[in-house]
Protein backbone atom coordinates (compact mmCIF):
# COMPACT_ATOMS: atom_id res chain seq x y z
CA MET A 1 12.71 -8.98 36.76
CA LYS A 2 9.83 -7.78 34.99
CA ASP A 3 6.63 -7.73 37.09
CA GLY A 4 4.29 -6.26 34.44
CA GLY A 5 3.70 -3.10 36.39
CA PRO A 6 0.85 -2.58 38.89
CA ALA A 7 -2.23 -4.83 38.76
CA PHE A 8 -4.80 -2.45 40.50
CA PRO A 9 -3.31 0.93 40.61
CA SER A 10 -5.42 3.55 42.47
CA HIS A 11 -5.30 7.34 42.97
CA ASP A 12 -7.41 8.76 45.59
CA LYS A 13 -7.96 12.52 46.71
CA ILE A 14 -8.85 13.08 50.29
CA HIS A 15 -9.01 16.50 51.81
CA ASN A 16 -7.21 18.02 48.88
CA MET A 17 -4.29 15.46 49.26
CA ASP A 18 -3.31 12.91 46.67
CA PHE A 19 -2.74 9.33 47.78
CA THR A 20 -1.60 6.78 45.06
CA GLU A 21 -1.28 2.98 45.77
CA SER A 22 0.17 0.76 43.22
CA GLY A 23 -1.38 -2.56 44.71
CA MET A 24 0.10 -5.69 43.64
CA SER A 25 2.19 -6.47 40.85
CA LEU A 26 0.75 -7.93 37.61
CA ARG A 27 3.22 -10.92 38.15
CA ASP A 28 1.83 -11.72 41.48
CA ARG A 29 -1.76 -11.48 40.26
CA PHE A 30 -1.06 -13.74 37.05
CA ALA A 31 0.71 -16.23 39.63
CA GLY A 32 -2.17 -16.16 42.10
CA MET A 33 -4.62 -17.05 39.34
CA ALA A 34 -2.48 -19.70 37.97
CA LEU A 35 -2.05 -21.18 41.39
CA THR A 36 -5.82 -20.89 42.13
CA GLY A 37 -6.38 -23.16 39.08
CA MET A 38 -3.59 -25.61 40.07
CA LEU A 39 -4.67 -26.24 43.66
CA GLY A 40 -8.29 -26.21 42.49
CA ASP A 41 -7.48 -29.53 41.04
CA ALA A 42 -8.77 -32.57 42.97
CA THR A 43 -5.57 -34.49 42.03
CA CYS A 44 -3.39 -31.71 43.64
CA VAL A 45 -0.87 -33.58 45.86
CA GLY A 46 2.78 -33.07 46.56
CA ASP A 47 4.94 -30.48 47.56
CA HIS A 48 3.07 -26.89 47.26
CA SER A 49 6.35 -25.22 46.63
CA ASP A 50 6.51 -26.82 43.44
CA TYR A 51 3.07 -25.33 42.50
CA ALA A 52 4.20 -21.89 43.49
CA THR A 53 7.49 -22.11 41.19
CA ALA A 54 5.23 -23.33 38.39
CA ALA A 55 2.60 -20.62 39.13
CA TYR A 56 5.48 -17.93 38.70
CA LYS A 57 6.59 -19.52 35.70
CA CYS A 58 3.36 -19.14 34.11
CA ALA A 59 3.26 -15.46 35.36
CA ASP A 60 6.46 -14.70 33.57
CA ALA A 61 5.43 -16.31 30.34
CA MET A 62 2.06 -14.21 30.27
CA ILE A 63 4.12 -11.03 30.83
CA ALA A 64 6.56 -12.00 28.33
CA GLU A 65 3.67 -12.76 25.77
CA ARG A 66 2.18 -9.30 26.67
CA GLU A 67 5.24 -7.52 25.69
CA LYS A 68 5.58 -9.06 22.42
CA GLU A 69 4.35 -6.64 19.43
CA ALA A 70 1.04 -7.76 17.90
CA PRO A 71 1.43 -8.92 14.36
């Protein structure tokens, strides 16, 4: 499954040693943002696992759209 790569990669150098952290995946970031919007709705009721599933569907759609070539 494509995850869109890292959302917040970082590279640090401490005492002449390199450290790289990939951070969360872009898929997780997109899903979290979608979930925040869904759960912020005052009418949000029901099984929250349904919201999580929908959030990842939104994230997958965002990644697929990003991968399309621009016209």
